[in-house]
Amino acid sequence: MQENEIAHPVKKETPFREWSPGIHYAQFQSLQPCSFPERRLYDFELLYVRQGELTTRMNGALHSLTPGQLIFLAPGVYHQNSILSSPAKLLGIHFDFFGESRILREEDMVVNEEEVIPGKFAVEAVAAPFLPLSEDPIYAPPPECVHAMEQLVQEFTMRPTGYELVCRGLMLGILTSLLRTQSSRRLAKASVHGERIRALMEEIELMPASDWNNRSMAGRMNLHEDHFSKLFRQIAGMPPGEYLRSIRHREARKLLRETDWPVEKVGEQVGYPDIHYFSRTFSAQEGISPRAYRKLSRIL
């Protein structure tokens, strides 16, 4: 069969125990407005928007991505990315599902259309009950997934001993999280309260420092507190309190990386006016203090 007769991406039913992703590239990117040439990849890419706006034209559709969204780019599929805002801050991860791709340079990830290598296209692993990740390419990854992607970039960049194992474990967690969001999306569409809870989650992301608590949030939804917590967990994949903490932690990491604000001000901006409580909470989740995290982020 000729390469142009193959439907990309090629999919393979594979039990989860056989998934063993290999990481080829993982970086934070800061880009000015531009349109990149149309291209195809030999491997998979997760492209996450941290700031700004990105559009991707693929399979006859134009996808617009805003902060907090991710696009799943599959091998062999023509696509064109455009940066619409200045500056746009992205996080990109190139990988394959089985560690089979031979990628020595960044150029090896992109197809040279004059010298196409048909056997080089990576295969997408698929396992029931989930649909292929390429089926619906736009995702809004939950905070713990974003955190894992950031950790993966850190490991891949610093490359301490055993980083390959850590990156593989993080990538498996990232893929699992994205697969689980498929169920959350179906629940949100099916539930009469799903869209309202989604709207509430977006509001928490926009205003993490507000005085959020289960009672007030349940009251806004006209639901009993226990029922609200159950529905919220079905949609978000975690209880309201845990979701709030993860959003605050994500925003704290962002402010520590991207501003020179004192640690005390960062804590106030994300809902922790007590600097000691903020430092303890941040250290418990990140494993290092806010000041140590800022210092490390300036190295990456």
C-alpha atoms as a PDB file:
ATOM      1  CA  MET A   1       0.000   0.000   0.000  1.00  0.00           C
ATOM      2  CA  GLN A   2       1.298   3.458  -0.917  1.00  0.00           C
ATOM      3  CA  GLU A   3       1.849   6.012   1.843  1.00  0.00           C
ATOM      4  CA  ASN A   4      -0.802   8.317   0.397  1.00  0.00           C
ATOM      5  CA  GLU A   5      -3.366   5.496   0.666  1.00  0.00           C
ATOM      6  CA  ILE A   6      -2.857   5.074   4.421  1.00  0.00           C
ATOM      7  CA  ALA A   7      -5.378   6.766   6.716  1.00  0.00           C
ATOM      8  CA  HIS A   8      -3.446   8.630   9.391  1.00  0.00           C
ATOM      9  CA  PRO A   9      -3.069   8.266  12.233  1.00  0.00           C
ATOM     10  CA  VAL A  10      -2.706   4.489  12.195  1.00  0.00           C
ATOM     11  CA  LYS A  11      -4.394   3.050  15.299  1.00  0.00           C
ATOM     12  CA  LYS A  12      -3.676  -0.140  17.205  1.00  0.00           C
ATOM     13  CA  GLU A  13      -5.805  -1.776  19.896  1.00  0.00           C
ATOM     14  CA  THR A  14      -3.338  -2.218  22.742  1.00  0.00           C
ATOM     15  CA  PRO A  15      -3.906  -3.043  26.431  1.00  0.00           C
ATOM     16  CA  PHE A  16      -2.752  -0.332  28.817  1.00  0.00           C
ATOM     17  CA  ARG A  17      -0.012  -2.540  30.276  1.00  0.00           C
ATOM     18  CA  GLU A  18       1.778  -2.393  26.910  1.00  0.00           C
ATOM     19  CA  TRP A  19       1.781   1.405  26.633  1.00  0.00           C
ATOM     20  CA  SER A  20       5.358   2.644  27.026  1.00  0.00           C
ATOM     21  CA  PRO A  21       5.657   6.192  25.664  1.00  0.00           C
ATOM     22  CA  GLY A  22       8.945   7.663  24.514  1.00  0.00           C
ATOM     23  CA  ILE A  23       9.536  11.419  24.835  1.00  0.00           C
ATOM     24  CA  HIS A  24      11.288  13.193  21.954  1.00  0.00           C
ATOM     25  CA  TYR A  25      10.877  16.868  22.885  1.00  0.00           C
ATOM     26  CA  ALA A  26       9.454  18.843  25.799  1.00  0.00           C
ATOM     27  CA  GLN A  27       9.810  22.610  26.066  1.00  0.00           C
ATOM     28  CA  PHE A  28       8.174  25.857  27.069  1.00  0.00           C
ATOM     29  CA  GLN A  29       7.855  28.173  24.065  1.00  0.00           C
ATOM     30  CA  SER A  30       7.365  31.928  23.743  1.00  0.00           C
ATOM     31  CA  LEU A  31       6.313  32.974  20.238  1.00  0.00           C
ATOM     32  CA  GLN A  32       5.390  36.166  18.412  1.00  0.00           C
ATOM     33  CA  PRO A  33       2.412  36.355  16.004  1.00  0.00           C
ATOM     34  CA  CYS A  34       3.074  34.335  12.855  1.00  0.00           C
ATOM     35  CA  SER A  35       1.741  31.544  10.667  1.00  0.00           C
ATOM     36  CA  PHE A  36       3.850  28.418  10.351  1.00  0.00           C
ATOM     37  CA  PRO A  37       3.997  26.410   7.113  1.00  0.00           C
ATOM     38  CA  GLU A  38       1.617  23.495   6.774  1.00  0.00           C
ATOM     39  CA  ARG A  39       3.340  20.319   7.909  1.00  0.00           C
ATOM     40  CA  ARG A  40       3.004  16.714   9.021  1.00  0.00           C
ATOM     41  CA  LEU A  41       4.680  14.979  11.947  1.00  0.00           C
ATOM     42  CA  TYR A  42       6.154  11.510  12.323  1.00  0.00           C
ATOM     43  CA  ASP A  43       5.269  11.459  16.022  1.00  0.00           C
ATOM     44  CA  PHE A  44       2.532  12.860  18.278  1.00  0.00           C
ATOM     45  CA  GLU A  45       2.498  16.335  19.785  1.00  0.00           C
ATOM     46  CA  LEU A  46       0.598  17.839  22.691  1.00  0.00           C
ATOM     47  CA  LEU A  47       0.522  21.613  22.268  1.00  0.00           C
ATOM     48  CA  TYR A  48      -0.818  23.413  25.347  1.00  0.00           C
ATOM     49  CA  VAL A  49      -1.644  27.146  25.413  1.00  0.00           C
ATOM     50  CA  ARG A  50      -0.434  28.837  28.608  1.00  0.00           C
ATOM     51  CA  GLN A  51      -0.972  32.406  27.377  1.00  0.00           C
ATOM     52  CA  GLY A  52      -2.255  34.004  24.190  1.00  0.00           C
ATOM     53  CA  GLU A  53      -4.198  32.465  21.328  1.00  0.00           C
ATOM     54  CA  LEU A  54      -3.370  29.739  18.823  1.00  0.00           C
ATOM     55  CA  THR A  55      -5.278  28.486  15.799  1.00  0.00           C
ATOM     56  CA  THR A  56      -4.698  25.171  14.055  1.00  0.00           C
ATOM     57  CA  ARG A  57      -6.153  24.318  10.665  1.00  0.00           C
ATOM     58  CA  MET A  58      -6.496  20.543  10.390  1.00  0.00           C
ATOM     59  CA  ASN A  59      -8.738  18.120   8.501  1.00  0.00           C
ATOM     60  CA  GLY A  60     -10.698  20.985   6.972  1.00  0.00           C
ATOM     61  CA  ALA A  61     -11.528  22.588  10.325  1.00  0.00           C
ATOM     62  CA  LEU A  62     -10.094  25.647  12.063  1.00  0.00           C
ATOM     63  CA  HIS A  63      -9.530  25.084  15.785  1.00  0.00           C
ATOM     64  CA  SER A  64      -9.109  28.152  18.025  1.00  0.00           C
ATOM     65  CA  LEU A  65      -7.314  27.574  21.322  1.00  0.00           C
ATOM     66  CA  THR A  66      -7.212  29.908  24.305  1.00  0.00           C
ATOM     67  CA  PRO A  67      -5.274  29.604  27.604  1.00  0.00           C
ATOM     68  CA  GLY A  68      -5.947  26.303  29.351  1.00  0.00           C
ATOM     69  CA  GLN A  69      -6.618  24.356  26.150  1.00  0.00           C
ATOM     70  CA  LEU A  70      -4.525  21.726  24.397  1.00  0.00           C
ATOM     71  CA  ILE A  71      -4.523  20.273  20.904  1.00  0.00           C
ATOM     72  CA  PHE A  72      -3.559  16.663  20.158  1.00  0.00           C
ATOM     73  CA  LEU A  73      -1.607  16.527  16.885  1.00  0.00           C
ATOM     74  CA  ALA A  74      -1.296  13.082  15.312  1.00  0.00           C
ATOM     75  CA  PRO A  75       1.314  11.687  12.878  1.00  0.00           C
ATOM     76  CA  GLY A  76       0.713  11.976   9.162  1.00  0.00           C
ATOM     77  CA  VAL A  77      -2.046  14.581   9.495  1.00  0.00           C
ATOM     78  CA  TYR A  78      -1.534  17.872   7.667  1.00  0.00           C
ATOM     79  CA  HIS A  79      -1.949  20.882   9.945  1.00  0.00           C
ATOM     80  CA  GLN A  80      -0.988  24.538  10.114  1.00  0.00           C
ATOM     81  CA  ASN A  81      -0.465  26.466  13.354  1.00  0.00           C
ATOM     82  CA  SER A  82      -0.847  30.232  13.658  1.00  0.00           C
ATOM     83  CA  ILE A  83      -0.012  32.470  16.622  1.00  0.00           C
ATOM     84  CA  LEU A  84      -2.536  35.297  16.974  1.00  0.00           C
ATOM     85  CA  SER A  85      -1.338  37.192  20.060  1.00  0.00           C
ATOM     86  CA  SER A  86       1.908  38.600  21.407  1.00  0.00           C
ATOM     87  CA  PRO A  87       3.515  36.953  23.124  1.00  0.00           C
ATOM     88  CA  ALA A  88       1.996  33.485  23.061  1.00  0.00           C
ATOM     89  CA  LYS A  89       3.353  31.074  25.654  1.00  0.00           C
ATOM     90  CA  LEU A  90       3.010  27.402  24.822  1.00  0.00           C
ATOM     91  CA  LEU A  91       4.117  24.044  26.172  1.00  0.00           C
ATOM     92  CA  GLY A  92       4.964  21.404  23.592  1.00  0.00           C
ATOM     93  CA  ILE A  93       5.587  17.679  24.080  1.00  0.00           C
ATOM     94  CA  HIS A  94       6.475  15.275  21.246  1.00  0.00           C
ATOM     95  CA  PHE A  95       6.112  11.565  21.979  1.00  0.00           C
ATOM     96  CA  ASP A  96       5.088   8.153  20.722  1.00  0.00           C
ATOM     97  CA  PHE A  97       3.031   5.478  22.480  1.00  0.00           C
ATOM     98  CA  PHE A  98       5.496   2.577  22.332  1.00  0.00           C
ATOM     99  CA  GLY A  99       8.966   4.125  22.407  1.00  0.00           C
ATOM    100  CA  GLU A 100       9.560   2.859  18.878  1.00  0.00           C
ATOM    101  CA  SER A 101      10.355   6.133  17.082  1.00  0.00           C
ATOM    102  CA  ARG A 102      13.983   6.921  16.300  1.00  0.00           C
ATOM    103  CA  ILE A 103      14.242  10.675  16.823  1.00  0.00           C
ATOM    104  CA  LEU A 104      17.788  12.052  17.011  1.00  0.00           C
ATOM    105  CA  ARG A 105      17.099  15.711  16.174  1.00  0.00           C
ATOM    106  CA  GLU A 106      14.083  18.013  16.244  1.00  0.00           C
ATOM    107  CA  GLU A 107      14.104  17.916  12.428  1.00  0.00           C
ATOM    108  CA  ASP A 108      13.426  14.169  12.583  1.00  0.00           C
ATOM    109  CA  MET A 109       9.945  14.829  13.984  1.00  0.00           C
ATOM    110  CA  VAL A 110       8.733  16.744  10.904  1.00  0.00           C
ATOM    111  CA  VAL A 111       8.031  15.046   7.565  1.00  0.00           C
ATOM    112  CA  ASN A 112      10.204  16.120   4.642  1.00  0.00           C
ATOM    113  CA  GLU A 113       7.579  15.808   1.900  1.00  0.00           C
ATOM    114  CA  GLU A 114      10.294  15.215  -0.716  1.00  0.00           C
ATOM    115  CA  GLU A 115      11.633  12.191   1.174  1.00  0.00           C
ATOM    116  CA  VAL A 116       8.712  10.631   3.052  1.00  0.00           C
ATOM    117  CA  ILE A 117       9.568   7.540   5.120  1.00  0.00           C
ATOM    118  CA  PRO A 118       6.278   5.557   5.307  1.00  0.00           C
ATOM    119  CA  GLY A 119       7.365   3.173   8.071  1.00  0.00           C
ATOM    120  CA  LYS A 120       8.404   6.007  10.372  1.00  0.00           C
ATOM    121  CA  PHE A 121       4.918   7.265  11.281  1.00  0.00           C
ATOM    122  CA  ALA A 122       4.139   6.485  14.923  1.00  0.00           C
ATOM    123  CA  VAL A 123       1.088   4.373  15.787  1.00  0.00           C
ATOM    124  CA  GLU A 124      -1.682   5.519  18.125  1.00  0.00           C
ATOM    125  CA  ALA A 125      -2.514   3.151  20.971  1.00  0.00           C
ATOM    126  CA  VAL A 126      -6.235   2.652  21.630  1.00  0.00           C
ATOM    127  CA  ALA A 127      -7.792   0.789  24.557  1.00  0.00           C
ATOM    128  CA  ALA A 128     -11.428   0.250  25.531  1.00  0.00           C
ATOM    129  CA  PRO A 129     -13.542   1.834  26.888  1.00  0.00           C
ATOM    130  CA  PHE A 130     -11.889   5.021  25.634  1.00  0.00           C
ATOM    131  CA  LEU A 131     -11.986   6.543  22.165  1.00  0.00           C
ATOM    132  CA  PRO A 132      -8.724   7.404  20.371  1.00  0.00           C
ATOM    133  CA  LEU A 133      -7.292  10.682  21.657  1.00  0.00           C
ATOM    134  CA  SER A 134      -7.073  11.877  18.043  1.00  0.00           C
ATOM    135  CA  GLU A 135     -10.852  11.483  17.635  1.00  0.00           C
ATOM    136  CA  ASP A 136     -11.606  14.842  19.283  1.00  0.00           C
ATOM    137  CA  PRO A 137      -8.297  16.768  19.306  1.00  0.00           C
ATOM    138  CA  ILE A 138      -9.131  19.693  21.621  1.00  0.00           C
ATOM    139  CA  TYR A 139      -8.836  19.163  25.386  1.00  0.00           C
ATOM    140  CA  ALA A 140      -9.028  21.281  28.529  1.00  0.00           C
ATOM    141  CA  PRO A 141      -6.604  19.327  30.733  1.00  0.00           C
ATOM    142  CA  PRO A 142      -7.299  19.421  34.478  1.00  0.00           C
ATOM    143  CA  PRO A 143      -4.774  21.158  36.755  1.00  0.00           C
ATOM    144  CA  GLU A 144      -2.991  17.968  37.798  1.00  0.00           C
ATOM    145  CA  CYS A 145      -2.425  17.129  34.124  1.00  0.00           C
ATOM    146  CA  VAL A 146      -0.943  20.586  33.458  1.00  0.00           C
ATOM    147  CA  HIS A 147       1.284  20.130  36.501  1.00  0.00           C
ATOM    148  CA  ALA A 148       2.499  16.785  35.144  1.00  0.00           C
ATOM    149  CA  MET A 149       3.292  18.374  31.769  1.00  0.00           C
ATOM    150  CA  GLU A 150       5.316  21.087  33.493  1.00  0.00           C
ATOM    151  CA  GLN A 151       7.164  18.469  35.549  1.00  0.00           C
ATOM    152  CA  LEU A 152       7.908  16.530  32.365  1.00  0.00           C
ATOM    153  CA  VAL A 153       9.453  19.623  30.747  1.00  0.00           C
ATOM    154  CA  GLN A 154      11.569  20.121  33.867  1.00  0.00           C
ATOM    155  CA  GLU A 155      12.793  16.497  33.874  1.00  0.00           C
ATOM    156  CA  PHE A 156      13.438  16.438  30.128  1.00  0.00           C
ATOM    157  CA  THR A 157      15.353  19.735  30.286  1.00  0.00           C
ATOM    158  CA  MET A 158      17.505  19.005  33.344  1.00  0.00           C
ATOM    159  CA  ARG A 159      17.946  15.277  32.535  1.00  0.00           C
ATOM    160  CA  PRO A 160      18.941  13.968  35.967  1.00  0.00           C
ATOM    161  CA  THR A 161      19.799  10.286  36.298  1.00  0.00           C
ATOM    162  CA  GLY A 162      16.725   8.192  35.530  1.00  0.00           C
ATOM    163  CA  TYR A 163      14.859  11.031  33.828  1.00  0.00           C
ATOM    164  CA  GLU A 164      13.646   8.679  31.075  1.00  0.00           C
ATOM    165  CA  LEU A 165      11.733   6.597  33.618  1.00  0.00           C
ATOM    166  CA  VAL A 166      10.256   9.679  35.272  1.00  0.00           C
ATOM    167  CA  CYS A 167       9.219  11.145  31.904  1.00  0.00           C
ATOM    168  CA  ARG A 168       7.591   7.862  30.870  1.00  0.00           C
ATOM    169  CA  GLY A 169       5.616   7.711  34.117  1.00  0.00           C
ATOM    170  CA  LEU A 170       4.519  11.336  33.809  1.00  0.00           C
ATOM    171  CA  MET A 171       3.489  10.803  30.177  1.00  0.00           C
ATOM    172  CA  LEU A 172       1.359   7.798  31.109  1.00  0.00           C
ATOM    173  CA  GLY A 173      -0.369   9.943  33.727  1.00  0.00           C
ATOM    174  CA  ILE A 174      -0.923  12.744  31.206  1.00  0.00           C
ATOM    175  CA  LEU A 175      -2.448  10.379  28.646  1.00  0.00           C
ATOM    176  CA  THR A 176      -4.678   8.815  31.299  1.00  0.00           C
ATOM    177  CA  SER A 177      -5.871  12.239  32.418  1.00  0.00           C
ATOM    178  CA  LEU A 178      -6.749  13.238  28.845  1.00  0.00           C
ATOM    179  CA  LEU A 179      -8.595   9.970  28.279  1.00  0.00           C
ATOM    180  CA  ARG A 180     -10.621  10.492  31.444  1.00  0.00           C
ATOM    181  CA  THR A 181     -11.685  13.951  30.295  1.00  0.00           C
ATOM    182  CA  GLN A 182     -13.587  12.191  27.494  1.00  0.00           C
ATOM    183  CA  SER A 183     -15.904  10.746  30.153  1.00  0.00           C
ATOM    184  CA  SER A 184     -16.161  14.123  31.875  1.00  0.00           C
ATOM    185  CA  ARG A 185     -17.174  15.771  28.607  1.00  0.00           C
ATOM    186  CA  ARG A 186     -19.899  13.188  28.044  1.00  0.00           C
ATOM    187  CA  LEU A 187     -21.169  13.648  31.605  1.00  0.00           C
ATOM    188  CA  ALA A 188     -21.170  17.416  31.231  1.00  0.00           C
ATOM    189  CA  LYS A 189     -23.264  17.183  28.083  1.00  0.00           C
ATOM    190  CA  ALA A 190     -25.660  14.666  29.610  1.00  0.00           C
ATOM    191  CA  SER A 191     -26.162  16.359  32.980  1.00  0.00           C
ATOM    192  CA  VAL A 192     -28.608  19.227  33.392  1.00  0.00           C
ATOM    193  CA  HIS A 193     -26.126  20.788  35.821  1.00  0.00           C
ATOM    194  CA  GLY A 194     -23.016  19.952  33.797  1.00  0.00           C
ATOM    195  CA  GLU A 195     -22.698  23.244  31.940  1.00  0.00           C
ATOM    196  CA  ARG A 196     -23.332  25.247  35.108  1.00  0.00           C
ATOM    197  CA  ILE A 197     -20.594  23.366  36.935  1.00  0.00           C
ATOM    198  CA  ARG A 198     -18.267  23.914  33.984  1.00  0.00           C
ATOM    199  CA  ALA A 199     -19.036  27.640  34.167  1.00  0.00           C
ATOM    200  CA  LEU A 200     -18.315  27.604  37.896  1.00  0.00           C
ATOM    201  CA  MET A 201     -14.980  25.879  37.278  1.00  0.00           C
ATOM    202  CA  GLU A 202     -14.058  28.579  34.766  1.00  0.00           C
ATOM    203  CA  GLU A 203     -14.969  31.257  37.302  1.00  0.00           C
ATOM    204  CA  ILE A 204     -12.725  29.609  39.910  1.00  0.00           C
ATOM    205  CA  GLU A 205      -9.885  29.647  37.383  1.00  0.00           C
ATOM    206  CA  LEU A 206     -10.424  33.358  36.715  1.00  0.00           C
ATOM    207  CA  MET A 207     -10.746  34.347  40.393  1.00  0.00           C
ATOM    208  CA  PRO A 208      -8.832  31.808  42.507  1.00  0.00           C
ATOM    209  CA  ALA A 209      -8.363  34.285  45.370  1.00  0.00           C
ATOM    210  CA  SER A 210     -12.111  34.629  46.020  1.00  0.00           C
ATOM    211  CA  ASP A 211     -13.557  33.112  49.191  1.00  0.00           C
ATOM    212  CA  TRP A 212     -14.762  29.850  47.649  1.00  0.00           C
ATOM    213  CA  ASN A 213     -16.320  27.169  49.849  1.00  0.00           C
ATOM    214  CA  ASN A 214     -18.606  24.203  49.262  1.00  0.00           C
ATOM    215  CA  ARG A 215     -21.609  25.755  50.984  1.00  0.00           C
ATOM    216  CA  SER A 216     -21.606  28.963  48.947  1.00  0.00           C
ATOM    217  CA  MET A 217     -20.944  27.141  45.662  1.00  0.00           C
ATOM    218  CA  ALA A 218     -23.729  24.632  46.329  1.00  0.00           C
ATOM    219  CA  GLY A 219     -26.043  27.529  47.190  1.00  0.00           C
ATOM    220  CA  ARG A 220     -25.332  29.213  43.863  1.00  0.00           C
ATOM    221  CA  MET A 221     -26.279  25.978  42.111  1.00  0.00           C
ATOM    222  CA  ASN A 222     -29.418  25.519  44.265  1.00  0.00           C
ATOM    223  CA  LEU A 223     -28.147  22.083  45.269  1.00  0.00           C
ATOM    224  CA  HIS A 224     -27.628  20.273  48.546  1.00  0.00           C
ATOM    225  CA  GLU A 225     -23.952  20.475  49.508  1.00  0.00           C
ATOM    226  CA  ASP A 226     -23.381  16.698  49.323  1.00  0.00           C
ATOM    227  CA  HIS A 227     -25.132  16.383  45.953  1.00  0.00           C
ATOM    228  CA  PHE A 228     -23.181  19.357  44.611  1.00  0.00           C
ATOM    229  CA  SER A 229     -19.877  17.801  45.707  1.00  0.00           C
ATOM    230  CA  LYS A 230     -20.786  14.513  44.025  1.00  0.00           C
ATOM    231  CA  LEU A 231     -21.734  16.198  40.732  1.00  0.00           C
ATOM    232  CA  PHE A 232     -18.648  18.427  40.835  1.00  0.00           C
ATOM    233  CA  ARG A 233     -16.417  15.399  41.314  1.00  0.00           C
ATOM    234  CA  GLN A 234     -18.037  13.623  38.352  1.00  0.00           C
ATOM    235  CA  ILE A 235     -17.336  16.602  36.086  1.00  0.00           C
ATOM    236  CA  ALA A 236     -13.941  17.748  37.406  1.00  0.00           C
ATOM    237  CA  GLY A 237     -12.563  14.376  38.446  1.00  0.00           C
ATOM    238  CA  MET A 238     -11.885  15.651  41.974  1.00  0.00           C
ATOM    239  CA  PRO A 239     -13.769  17.279  44.899  1.00  0.00           C
ATOM    240  CA  PRO A 240     -14.359  21.070  44.837  1.00  0.00           C
ATOM    241  CA  GLY A 241     -11.794  21.782  47.559  1.00  0.00           C
ATOM    242  CA  GLU A 242      -9.088  19.794  45.811  1.00  0.00           C
ATOM    243  CA  TYR A 243      -9.899  21.492  42.505  1.00  0.00           C
ATOM    244  CA  LEU A 244      -9.615  24.921  44.137  1.00  0.00           C
ATOM    245  CA  ARG A 245      -6.244  24.034  45.693  1.00  0.00           C
ATOM    246  CA  SER A 246      -4.934  22.747  42.369  1.00  0.00           C
ATOM    247  CA  ILE A 247      -5.995  25.944  40.565  1.00  0.00           C
ATOM    248  CA  ARG A 248      -4.397  28.112  43.236  1.00  0.00           C
ATOM    249  CA  HIS A 249      -1.223  26.057  43.064  1.00  0.00           C
ATOM    250  CA  ARG A 250      -1.112  26.296  39.272  1.00  0.00           C
ATOM    251  CA  GLU A 251      -1.556  30.073  39.391  1.00  0.00           C
ATOM    252  CA  ALA A 252       1.085  30.382  42.113  1.00  0.00           C
ATOM    253  CA  ARG A 253       3.593  28.504  39.951  1.00  0.00           C
ATOM    254  CA  LYS A 254       2.771  30.757  37.013  1.00  0.00           C
ATOM    255  CA  LEU A 255       3.232  33.970  39.030  1.00  0.00           C
ATOM    256  CA  LEU A 256       6.472  32.714  40.568  1.00  0.00           C
ATOM    257  CA  ARG A 257       7.802  31.944  37.078  1.00  0.00           C
ATOM    258  CA  GLU A 258       6.579  35.019  35.253  1.00  0.00           C
ATOM    259  CA  THR A 259       6.730  37.872  37.802  1.00  0.00           C
ATOM    260  CA  ASP A 260       9.195  39.279  40.329  1.00  0.00           C
ATOM    261  CA  TRP A 261       6.484  39.815  42.918  1.00  0.00           C
ATOM    262  CA  PRO A 262       7.407  39.038  46.527  1.00  0.00           C
ATOM    263  CA  VAL A 263       6.297  35.578  47.627  1.00  0.00           C
ATOM    264  CA  GLU A 264       3.833  37.190  50.049  1.00  0.00           C
ATOM    265  CA  LYS A 265       2.094  39.047  47.190  1.00  0.00           C
ATOM    266  CA  VAL A 266       1.940  35.874  45.080  1.00  0.00           C
ATOM    267  CA  GLY A 267       0.210  34.108  47.972  1.00  0.00           C
ATOM    268  CA  GLU A 268      -2.322  36.926  48.330  1.00  0.00           C
ATOM    269  CA  GLN A 269      -3.099  36.875  44.600  1.00  0.00           C
ATOM    270  CA  VAL A 270      -4.016  33.182  44.678  1.00  0.00           C
ATOM    271  CA  GLY A 271      -6.034  33.200  47.909  1.00  0.00           C
ATOM    272  CA  TYR A 272      -3.436  32.649  50.647  1.00  0.00           C
ATOM    273  CA  PRO A 273      -2.936  35.964  52.518  1.00  0.00           C
ATOM    274  CA  ASP A 274      -0.864  34.245  55.245  1.00  0.00           C
ATOM    275  CA  ILE A 275       2.649  33.804  53.806  1.00  0.00           C
ATOM    276  CA  HIS A 276       3.507  30.975  56.205  1.00  0.00           C
ATOM    277  CA  TYR A 277       0.375  28.999  55.288  1.00  0.00           C
ATOM    278  CA  PHE A 278       1.035  29.671  51.602  1.00  0.00           C
ATOM    279  CA  SER A 279       4.631  28.424  51.885  1.00  0.00           C
ATOM    280  CA  ARG A 280       3.563  25.268  53.730  1.00  0.00           C
ATOM    281  CA  THR A 281       0.760  24.543  51.251  1.00  0.00           C
ATOM    282  CA  PHE A 282       2.968  25.177  48.210  1.00  0.00           C
ATOM    283  CA  SER A 283       5.818  23.052  49.586  1.00  0.00           C
ATOM    284  CA  ALA A 284       3.438  20.190  50.401  1.00  0.00           C
ATOM    285  CA  GLN A 285       2.218  20.053  46.784  1.00  0.00           C
ATOM    286  CA  GLU A 286       5.418  20.934  44.916  1.00  0.00           C
ATOM    287  CA  GLY A 287       8.045  19.365  47.161  1.00  0.00           C
ATOM    288  CA  ILE A 288      10.055  22.611  47.326  1.00  0.00           C
ATOM    289  CA  SER A 289       9.420  26.099  48.726  1.00  0.00           C
ATOM    290  CA  PRO A 290       8.035  28.960  46.581  1.00  0.00           C
ATOM    291  CA  ARG A 291      11.454  30.668  46.563  1.00  0.00           C
ATOM    292  CA  ALA A 292      13.226  27.462  45.518  1.00  0.00           C
ATOM    293  CA  TYR A 293      10.639  26.891  42.770  1.00  0.00           C
ATOM    294  CA  ARG A 294      11.181  30.422  41.419  1.00  0.00           C
ATOM    295  CA  LYS A 295      14.949  29.916  41.393  1.00  0.00           C
ATOM    296  CA  LEU A 296      14.627  26.592  39.557  1.00  0.00           C
ATOM    297  CA  SER A 297      12.154  27.995  37.015  1.00  0.00           C
ATOM    298  CA  ARG A 298      14.640  30.708  36.018  1.00  0.00           C
ATOM    299  CA  ILE A 299      17.131  27.987  35.072  1.00  0.00           C
ATOM    300  CA  LEU A 300      14.742  26.148  32.722  1.00  0.00           C
END
